[in-house]
């Protein structure tokens, strides 16, 4: 399975990412280490691409807390309005 995961890893495709990217990640995620999101965010920034990473210190792989859902969805609406809304 390792070759497959290397092939699909976002970090191996940052040259192909041209749209702004917003990411949310739980610090306590046991499936996908938060370091993967941090590496992706860093690599994109170093390439001059627009990216934002929000880390929920009190979440795992799923976002479960109401306050985090409110924060995340507010950020998503703002992001969509900035990047997709026509003038």
PDB file of N, CA and C in Angstrom:
ATOM      1  N   UNK A   1       0.808  -1.200   0.000  1.00  0.00           N
ATOM      2  CA  UNK A   1       0.000   0.000   0.000  1.00  0.00           C
ATOM      3  C   UNK A   1       0.856   1.272   0.000  1.00  0.00           C
ATOM      4  N   UNK A   2       2.082   1.188   0.465  1.00  0.00           N
ATOM      5  CA  UNK A   2       2.919   2.384   0.569  1.00  0.00           C
ATOM      6  C   UNK A   2       3.086   3.122  -0.767  1.00  0.00           C
ATOM      7  N   UNK A   3       3.355   2.434  -1.875  1.00  0.00           N
ATOM      8  CA  UNK A   3       3.476   3.155  -3.153  1.00  0.00           C
ATOM      9  C   UNK A   3       2.190   3.908  -3.520  1.00  0.00           C
ATOM     10  N   UNK A   4       1.049   3.310  -3.226  1.00  0.00           N
ATOM     11  CA  UNK A   4      -0.231   3.974  -3.501  1.00  0.00           C
ATOM     12  C   UNK A   4      -0.366   5.255  -2.686  1.00  0.00           C
ATOM     13  N   UNK A   5      -0.053   5.183  -1.385  1.00  0.00           N
ATOM     14  CA  UNK A   5      -0.177   6.361  -0.526  1.00  0.00           C
ATOM     15  C   UNK A   5       0.804   7.458  -0.930  1.00  0.00           C
ATOM     16  N   UNK A   6       1.988   7.074  -1.369  1.00  0.00           N
ATOM     17  CA  UNK A   6       2.946   8.072  -1.862  1.00  0.00           C
ATOM     18  C   UNK A   6       2.416   8.751  -3.121  1.00  0.00           C
ATOM     19  N   UNK A   7       1.779   7.965  -3.958  1.00  0.00           N
ATOM     20  CA  UNK A   7       1.245   8.495  -5.215  1.00  0.00           C
ATOM     21  C   UNK A   7       0.141   9.516  -4.979  1.00  0.00           C
ATOM     22  N   UNK A   8      -0.696   9.309  -3.971  1.00  0.00           N
ATOM     23  CA  UNK A   8      -1.834  10.196  -3.743  1.00  0.00           C
ATOM     24  C   UNK A   8      -1.566  11.276  -2.691  1.00  0.00           C
ATOM     25  N   UNK A   9      -0.417  11.245  -2.049  1.00  0.00           N
ATOM     26  CA  UNK A   9      -0.117  12.213  -0.983  1.00  0.00           C
ATOM     27  C   UNK A   9      -0.138  13.640  -1.527  1.00  0.00           C
ATOM     28  N   UNK A  10      -0.945  14.514  -0.940  1.00  0.00           N
ATOM     29  CA  UNK A  10      -1.018  15.908  -1.404  1.00  0.00           C
ATOM     30  C   UNK A  10       0.340  16.600  -1.441  1.00  0.00           C
ATOM     31  N   UNK A  11       1.209  16.279  -0.519  1.00  0.00           N
ATOM     32  CA  UNK A  11       2.525  16.923  -0.473  1.00  0.00           C
ATOM     33  C   UNK A  11       3.330  16.654  -1.741  1.00  0.00           C
ATOM     34  N   UNK A  12       3.038  15.562  -2.409  1.00  0.00           N
ATOM     35  CA  UNK A  12       3.732  15.219  -3.655  1.00  0.00           C
ATOM     36  C   UNK A  12       3.107  15.861  -4.887  1.00  0.00           C
ATOM     37  N   UNK A  13       2.087  16.688  -4.672  1.00  0.00           N
ATOM     38  CA  UNK A  13       1.377  17.303  -5.795  1.00  0.00           C
ATOM     39  C   UNK A  13       1.201  18.814  -5.626  1.00  0.00           C
ATOM     40  N   UNK A  14       1.986  19.427  -4.776  1.00  0.00           N
ATOM     41  CA  UNK A  14       1.784  20.855  -4.519  1.00  0.00           C
ATOM     42  C   UNK A  14       2.040  21.721  -5.750  1.00  0.00           C
ATOM     43  N   UNK A  15       2.856  21.261  -6.675  1.00  0.00           N
ATOM     44  CA  UNK A  15       3.072  22.030  -7.903  1.00  0.00           C
ATOM     45  C   UNK A  15       1.795  22.132  -8.726  1.00  0.00           C
ATOM     46  N   UNK A  16       0.899  21.181  -8.564  1.00  0.00           N
ATOM     47  CA  UNK A  16      -0.349  21.163  -9.325  1.00  0.00           C
ATOM     48  C   UNK A  16      -1.476  21.951  -8.665  1.00  0.00           C
ATOM     49  N   UNK A  17      -1.267  22.406  -7.450  1.00  0.00           N
ATOM     50  CA  UNK A  17      -2.308  23.145  -6.736  1.00  0.00           C
ATOM     51  C   UNK A  17      -2.198  24.612  -7.120  1.00  0.00           C
ATOM     52  N   UNK A  18      -3.256  25.133  -7.726  1.00  0.00           N
ATOM     53  CA  UNK A  18      -3.226  26.534  -8.141  1.00  0.00           C
ATOM     54  C   UNK A  18      -4.290  27.365  -7.443  1.00  0.00           C
ATOM     55  N   UNK A  19      -5.329  26.736  -6.945  1.00  0.00           N
ATOM     56  CA  UNK A  19      -6.398  27.455  -6.251  1.00  0.00           C
ATOM     57  C   UNK A  19      -6.017  27.674  -4.787  1.00  0.00           C
ATOM     58  N   UNK A  20      -6.539  28.727  -4.173  1.00  0.00           N
ATOM     59  CA  UNK A  20      -6.324  28.918  -2.735  1.00  0.00           C
ATOM     60  C   UNK A  20      -6.834  27.690  -1.975  1.00  0.00           C
ATOM     61  N   UNK A  21      -6.131  27.348  -0.914  1.00  0.00           N
ATOM     62  CA  UNK A  21      -6.467  26.147  -0.153  1.00  0.00           C
ATOM     63  C   UNK A  21      -6.648  26.487   1.316  1.00  0.00           C
ATOM     64  N   UNK A  22      -7.752  26.036   1.887  1.00  0.00           N
ATOM     65  CA  UNK A  22      -8.013  26.189   3.315  1.00  0.00           C
ATOM     66  C   UNK A  22      -8.107  24.793   3.911  1.00  0.00           C
ATOM     67  N   UNK A  23      -7.384  24.578   5.007  1.00  0.00           N
ATOM     68  CA  UNK A  23      -7.364  23.264   5.645  1.00  0.00           C
ATOM     69  C   UNK A  23      -7.732  23.379   7.117  1.00  0.00           C
ATOM     70  N   UNK A  24      -8.422  22.359   7.602  1.00  0.00           N
ATOM     71  CA  UNK A  24      -8.751  22.229   9.023  1.00  0.00           C
ATOM     72  C   UNK A  24      -8.243  20.863   9.459  1.00  0.00           C
ATOM     73  N   UNK A  25      -7.627  20.819  10.640  1.00  0.00           N
ATOM     74  CA  UNK A  25      -7.068  19.550  11.098  1.00  0.00           C
ATOM     75  C   UNK A  25      -7.141  19.480  12.619  1.00  0.00           C
ATOM     76  N   UNK A  26      -7.429  18.301  13.124  1.00  0.00           N
ATOM     77  CA  UNK A  26      -7.440  18.086  14.568  1.00  0.00           C
ATOM     78  C   UNK A  26      -6.065  17.685  15.069  1.00  0.00           C
ATOM     79  N   UNK A  27      -5.613  18.330  16.118  1.00  0.00           N
ATOM     80  CA  UNK A  27      -4.299  18.020  16.697  1.00  0.00           C
ATOM     81  C   UNK A  27      -4.220  16.564  17.137  1.00  0.00           C
ATOM     82  N   UNK A  28      -5.348  16.006  17.570  1.00  0.00           N
ATOM     83  CA  UNK A  28      -5.365  14.647  18.119  1.00  0.00           C
ATOM     84  C   UNK A  28      -5.784  13.598  17.101  1.00  0.00           C
ATOM     85  N   UNK A  29      -5.647  13.895  15.812  1.00  0.00           N
ATOM     86  CA  UNK A  29      -6.014  12.958  14.753  1.00  0.00           C
ATOM     87  C   UNK A  29      -5.071  11.757  14.794  1.00  0.00           C
ATOM     88  N   UNK A  30      -5.640  10.570  14.971  1.00  0.00           N
ATOM     89  CA  UNK A  30      -4.820   9.350  15.022  1.00  0.00           C
ATOM     90  C   UNK A  30      -4.717   8.674  13.656  1.00  0.00           C
ATOM     91  N   UNK A  31      -5.488   9.131  12.668  1.00  0.00           N
ATOM     92  CA  UNK A  31      -5.433   8.555  11.322  1.00  0.00           C
ATOM     93  C   UNK A  31      -4.462   9.299  10.415  1.00  0.00           C
ATOM     94  N   UNK A  32      -4.521  10.615  10.471  1.00  0.00           N
ATOM     95  CA  UNK A  32      -3.646  11.456   9.651  1.00  0.00           C
ATOM     96  C   UNK A  32      -2.923  12.410  10.596  1.00  0.00           C
ATOM     97  N   UNK A  33      -1.636  12.252  10.786  1.00  0.00           N
ATOM     98  CA  UNK A  33      -0.908  13.128  11.708  1.00  0.00           C
ATOM     99  C   UNK A  33      -1.004  14.585  11.279  1.00  0.00           C
ATOM    100  N   UNK A  34      -1.166  15.459  12.248  1.00  0.00           N
ATOM    101  CA  UNK A  34      -1.286  16.893  11.968  1.00  0.00           C
ATOM    102  C   UNK A  34      -0.032  17.415  11.265  1.00  0.00           C
ATOM    103  N   UNK A  35       1.088  16.746  11.449  1.00  0.00           N
ATOM    104  CA  UNK A  35       2.322  17.178  10.786  1.00  0.00           C
ATOM    105  C   UNK A  35       2.191  17.129   9.266  1.00  0.00           C
ATOM    106  N   UNK A  36       1.322  16.257   8.745  1.00  0.00           N
ATOM    107  CA  UNK A  36       1.129  16.203   7.299  1.00  0.00           C
ATOM    108  C   UNK A  36       0.465  17.473   6.789  1.00  0.00           C
ATOM    109  N   UNK A  37      -0.519  17.972   7.504  1.00  0.00           N
ATOM    110  CA  UNK A  37      -1.170  19.237   7.132  1.00  0.00           C
ATOM    111  C   UNK A  37      -0.192  20.393   7.294  1.00  0.00           C
ATOM    112  N   UNK A  38       0.596  20.359   8.358  1.00  0.00           N
ATOM    113  CA  UNK A  38       1.576  21.429   8.581  1.00  0.00           C
ATOM    114  C   UNK A  38       2.632  21.444   7.467  1.00  0.00           C
ATOM    115  N   UNK A  39       3.093  20.265   7.038  1.00  0.00           N
ATOM    116  CA  UNK A  39       4.073  20.190   5.951  1.00  0.00           C
ATOM    117  C   UNK A  39       3.481  20.700   4.646  1.00  0.00           C
ATOM    118  N   UNK A  40       2.251  20.318   4.359  1.00  0.00           N
ATOM    119  CA  UNK A  40       1.586  20.761   3.140  1.00  0.00           C
ATOM    120  C   UNK A  40       1.434  22.280   3.148  1.00  0.00           C
ATOM    121  N   UNK A  41       0.986  22.817   4.258  1.00  0.00           N
ATOM    122  CA  UNK A  41       0.811  24.265   4.398  1.00  0.00           C
ATOM    123  C   UNK A  41       2.135  24.996   4.194  1.00  0.00           C
ATOM    124  N   UNK A  42       3.197  24.487   4.814  1.00  0.00           N
ATOM    125  CA  UNK A  42       4.524  25.103   4.702  1.00  0.00           C
ATOM    126  C   UNK A  42       5.033  25.063   3.264  1.00  0.00           C
ATOM    127  N   UNK A  43       4.885  23.916   2.620  1.00  0.00           N
ATOM    128  CA  UNK A  43       5.358  23.763   1.246  1.00  0.00           C
ATOM    129  C   UNK A  43       4.622  24.716   0.301  1.00  0.00           C
ATOM    130  N   UNK A  44       3.319  24.812   0.462  1.00  0.00           N
ATOM    131  CA  UNK A  44       2.545  25.718  -0.386  1.00  0.00           C
ATOM    132  C   UNK A  44       2.960  27.169  -0.166  1.00  0.00           C
ATOM    133  N   UNK A  45       3.136  27.566   1.090  1.00  0.00           N
ATOM    134  CA  UNK A  45       3.562  28.938   1.387  1.00  0.00           C
ATOM    135  C   UNK A  45       4.930  29.227   0.777  1.00  0.00           C
ATOM    136  N   UNK A  46       5.852  28.270   0.889  1.00  0.00           N
ATOM    137  CA  UNK A  46       7.189  28.459   0.317  1.00  0.00           C
ATOM    138  C   UNK A  46       7.144  28.615  -1.202  1.00  0.00           C
ATOM    139  N   UNK A  47       6.107  28.058  -1.817  1.00  0.00           N
ATOM    140  CA  UNK A  47       5.944  28.182  -3.274  1.00  0.00           C
ATOM    141  C   UNK A  47       5.099  29.405  -3.646  1.00  0.00           C
ATOM    142  N   UNK A  48       4.763  30.217  -2.646  1.00  0.00           N
ATOM    143  CA  UNK A  48       4.019  31.446  -2.893  1.00  0.00           C
ATOM    144  C   UNK A  48       2.543  31.226  -3.166  1.00  0.00           C
ATOM    145  N   UNK A  49       2.024  30.096  -2.743  1.00  0.00           N
ATOM    146  CA  UNK A  49       0.613  29.798  -2.978  1.00  0.00           C
ATOM    147  C   UNK A  49      -0.213  30.178  -1.759  1.00  0.00           C
ATOM    148  N   UNK A  50      -1.457  30.544  -2.018  1.00  0.00           N
ATOM    149  CA  UNK A  50      -2.335  30.991  -0.939  1.00  0.00           C
ATOM    150  C   UNK A  50      -2.901  29.798  -0.187  1.00  0.00           C
ATOM    151  N   UNK A  51      -2.645  29.758   1.103  1.00  0.00           N
ATOM    152  CA  UNK A  51      -3.087  28.649   1.933  1.00  0.00           C
ATOM    153  C   UNK A  51      -3.319  29.120   3.366  1.00  0.00           C
ATOM    154  N   UNK A  52      -4.265  28.479   4.017  1.00  0.00           N
ATOM    155  CA  UNK A  52      -4.536  28.719   5.433  1.00  0.00           C
ATOM    156  C   UNK A  52      -4.742  27.374   6.107  1.00  0.00           C
ATOM    157  N   UNK A  53      -4.184  27.234   7.287  1.00  0.00           N
ATOM    158  CA  UNK A  53      -4.350  26.015   8.069  1.00  0.00           C
ATOM    159  C   UNK A  53      -4.864  26.382   9.449  1.00  0.00           C
ATOM    160  N   UNK A  54      -5.954  25.750   9.832  1.00  0.00           N
ATOM    161  CA  UNK A  54      -6.517  25.923  11.169  1.00  0.00           C
ATOM    162  C   UNK A  54      -6.429  24.575  11.875  1.00  0.00           C
ATOM    163  N   UNK A  55      -5.823  24.588  13.044  1.00  0.00           N
ATOM    164  CA  UNK A  55      -5.667  23.355  13.819  1.00  0.00           C
ATOM    165  C   UNK A  55      -6.547  23.441  15.055  1.00  0.00           C
ATOM    166  N   UNK A  56      -7.405  22.455  15.200  1.00  0.00           N
ATOM    167  CA  UNK A  56      -8.242  22.365  16.384  1.00  0.00           C
ATOM    168  C   UNK A  56      -7.483  21.547  17.426  1.00  0.00           C
ATOM    169  N   UNK A  57      -7.103  22.192  18.492  1.00  0.00           N
ATOM    170  CA  UNK A  57      -6.301  21.541  19.536  1.00  0.00           C
ATOM    171  C   UNK A  57      -7.077  20.440  20.254  1.00  0.00           C
ATOM    172  N   UNK A  58      -8.405  20.524  20.235  1.00  0.00           N
ATOM    173  CA  UNK A  58      -9.223  19.592  21.009  1.00  0.00           C
ATOM    174  C   UNK A  58     -10.067  18.675  20.118  1.00  0.00           C
ATOM    175  N   UNK A  59      -9.574  18.375  18.906  1.00  0.00           N
ATOM    176  CA  UNK A  59     -10.300  17.492  17.996  1.00  0.00           C
ATOM    177  C   UNK A  59      -9.375  16.396  17.483  1.00  0.00           C
ATOM    178  N   UNK A  60      -9.995  15.352  16.967  1.00  0.00           N
ATOM    179  CA  UNK A  60      -9.263  14.265  16.337  1.00  0.00           C
ATOM    180  C   UNK A  60      -9.499  14.285  14.839  1.00  0.00           C
ATOM    181  N   UNK A  61      -9.807  13.112  14.265  1.00  0.00           N
ATOM    182  CA  UNK A  61     -10.018  13.010  12.819  1.00  0.00           C
ATOM    183  C   UNK A  61     -11.328  13.670  12.395  1.00  0.00           C
ATOM    184  N   UNK A  62     -12.299  13.678  13.272  1.00  0.00           N
ATOM    185  CA  UNK A  62     -13.592  14.324  13.016  1.00  0.00           C
ATOM    186  C   UNK A  62     -13.709  15.589  13.862  1.00  0.00           C
ATOM    187  N   UNK A  63     -14.385  16.572  13.322  1.00  0.00           N
ATOM    188  CA  UNK A  63     -14.694  17.770  14.111  1.00  0.00           C
ATOM    189  C   UNK A  63     -16.027  17.511  14.805  1.00  0.00           C
ATOM    190  N   UNK A  64     -16.017  17.513  16.138  1.00  0.00           N
ATOM    191  CA  UNK A  64     -17.217  17.146  16.882  1.00  0.00           C
ATOM    192  C   UNK A  64     -17.771  18.265  17.753  1.00  0.00           C
ATOM    193  N   UNK A  65     -16.939  19.175  18.194  1.00  0.00           N
ATOM    194  CA  UNK A  65     -17.402  20.202  19.119  1.00  0.00           C
ATOM    195  C   UNK A  65     -18.147  21.315  18.376  1.00  0.00           C
ATOM    196  N   UNK A  66     -19.276  21.726  18.953  1.00  0.00           N
ATOM    197  CA  UNK A  66     -20.122  22.731  18.323  1.00  0.00           C
ATOM    198  C   UNK A  66     -19.363  24.023  18.043  1.00  0.00           C
ATOM    199  N   UNK A  67     -18.569  24.473  18.993  1.00  0.00           N
ATOM    200  CA  UNK A  67     -17.832  25.733  18.791  1.00  0.00           C
ATOM    201  C   UNK A  67     -16.847  25.630  17.629  1.00  0.00           C
ATOM    202  N   UNK A  68     -16.291  24.434  17.406  1.00  0.00           N
ATOM    203  CA  UNK A  68     -15.378  24.237  16.283  1.00  0.00           C
ATOM    204  C   UNK A  68     -16.134  24.190  14.956  1.00  0.00           C
ATOM    205  N   UNK A  69     -17.339  23.604  14.968  1.00  0.00           N
ATOM    206  CA  UNK A  69     -18.172  23.604  13.764  1.00  0.00           C
ATOM    207  C   UNK A  69     -18.546  25.041  13.385  1.00  0.00           C
ATOM    208  N   UNK A  70     -18.916  25.827  14.365  1.00  0.00           N
ATOM    209  CA  UNK A  70     -19.282  27.221  14.096  1.00  0.00           C
ATOM    210  C   UNK A  70     -18.086  27.975  13.541  1.00  0.00           C
ATOM    211  N   UNK A  71     -16.920  27.827  14.158  1.00  0.00           N
ATOM    212  CA  UNK A  71     -15.702  28.494  13.685  1.00  0.00           C
ATOM    213  C   UNK A  71     -15.375  28.052  12.257  1.00  0.00           C
ATOM    214  N   UNK A  72     -15.370  26.741  12.035  1.00  0.00           N
ATOM    215  CA  UNK A  72     -15.000  26.203  10.732  1.00  0.00           C
ATOM    216  C   UNK A  72     -15.959  26.680   9.638  1.00  0.00           C
ATOM    217  N   UNK A  73     -17.248  26.592   9.887  1.00  0.00           N
ATOM    218  CA  UNK A  73     -18.220  26.987   8.867  1.00  0.00           C
ATOM    219  C   UNK A  73     -18.214  28.487   8.619  1.00  0.00           C
ATOM    220  N   UNK A  74     -17.934  29.277   9.632  1.00  0.00           N
ATOM    221  CA  UNK A  74     -17.795  30.719   9.439  1.00  0.00           C
ATOM    222  C   UNK A  74     -16.601  31.009   8.547  1.00  0.00           C
ATOM    223  N   UNK A  75     -15.478  30.339   8.792  1.00  0.00           N
ATOM    224  CA  UNK A  75     -14.283  30.513   7.961  1.00  0.00           C
ATOM    225  C   UNK A  75     -14.542  30.064   6.522  1.00  0.00           C
ATOM    226  N   UNK A  76     -15.269  28.968   6.356  1.00  0.00           N
ATOM    227  CA  UNK A  76     -15.570  28.467   5.014  1.00  0.00           C
ATOM    228  C   UNK A  76     -16.417  29.470   4.234  1.00  0.00           C
ATOM    229  N   UNK A  77     -17.441  30.031   4.870  1.00  0.00           N
ATOM    230  CA  UNK A  77     -18.294  31.014   4.194  1.00  0.00           C
ATOM    231  C   UNK A  77     -17.468  32.235   3.795  1.00  0.00           C
ATOM    232  N   UNK A  78     -16.618  32.712   4.691  1.00  0.00           N
ATOM    233  CA  UNK A  78     -15.757  33.858   4.379  1.00  0.00           C
ATOM    234  C   UNK A  78     -14.826  33.529   3.212  1.00  0.00           C
ATOM    235  N   UNK A  79     -14.231  32.359   3.255  1.00  0.00           N
ATOM    236  CA  UNK A  79     -13.323  31.900   2.200  1.00  0.00           C
ATOM    237  C   UNK A  79     -14.052  31.838   0.855  1.00  0.00           C
ATOM    238  N   UNK A  80     -15.226  31.245   0.840  1.00  0.00           N
ATOM    239  CA  UNK A  80     -16.000  31.132  -0.406  1.00  0.00           C
ATOM    240  C   UNK A  80     -16.380  32.509  -0.940  1.00  0.00           C
ATOM    241  N   UNK A  81     -16.788  33.387  -0.048  1.00  0.00           N
ATOM    242  CA  UNK A  81     -17.154  34.741  -0.477  1.00  0.00           C
ATOM    243  C   UNK A  81     -15.949  35.462  -1.077  1.00  0.00           C
ATOM    244  N   UNK A  82     -14.782  35.273  -0.510  1.00  0.00           N
ATOM    245  CA  UNK A  82     -13.566  35.940  -1.002  1.00  0.00           C
ATOM    246  C   UNK A  82     -13.112  35.372  -2.332  1.00  0.00           C
ATOM    247  N   UNK A  83     -13.238  34.076  -2.522  1.00  0.00           N
ATOM    248  CA  UNK A  83     -12.619  33.427  -3.676  1.00  0.00           C
ATOM    249  C   UNK A  83     -13.576  32.993  -4.779  1.00  0.00           C
ATOM    250  N   UNK A  84     -14.850  32.861  -4.478  1.00  0.00           N
ATOM    251  CA  UNK A  84     -15.773  32.346  -5.488  1.00  0.00           C
ATOM    252  C   UNK A  84     -16.890  33.304  -5.881  1.00  0.00           C
ATOM    253  N   UNK A  85     -17.135  34.277  -5.037  1.00  0.00           N
ATOM    254  CA  UNK A  85     -18.247  35.199  -5.294  1.00  0.00           C
ATOM    255  C   UNK A  85     -17.879  36.140  -6.448  1.00  0.00           C
ATOM    256  N   UNK A  86     -18.768  36.238  -7.391  1.00  0.00           N
ATOM    257  CA  UNK A  86     -18.540  37.155  -8.514  1.00  0.00           C
ATOM    258  C   UNK A  86     -18.728  38.607  -8.086  1.00  0.00           C
ATOM    259  N   UNK A  87     -18.122  39.467  -8.860  1.00  0.00           N
ATOM    260  CA  UNK A  87     -18.236  40.909  -8.514  1.00  0.00           C
ATOM    261  C   UNK A  87     -19.494  41.504  -9.083  1.00  0.00           C
TER     262      UNK A  87
END
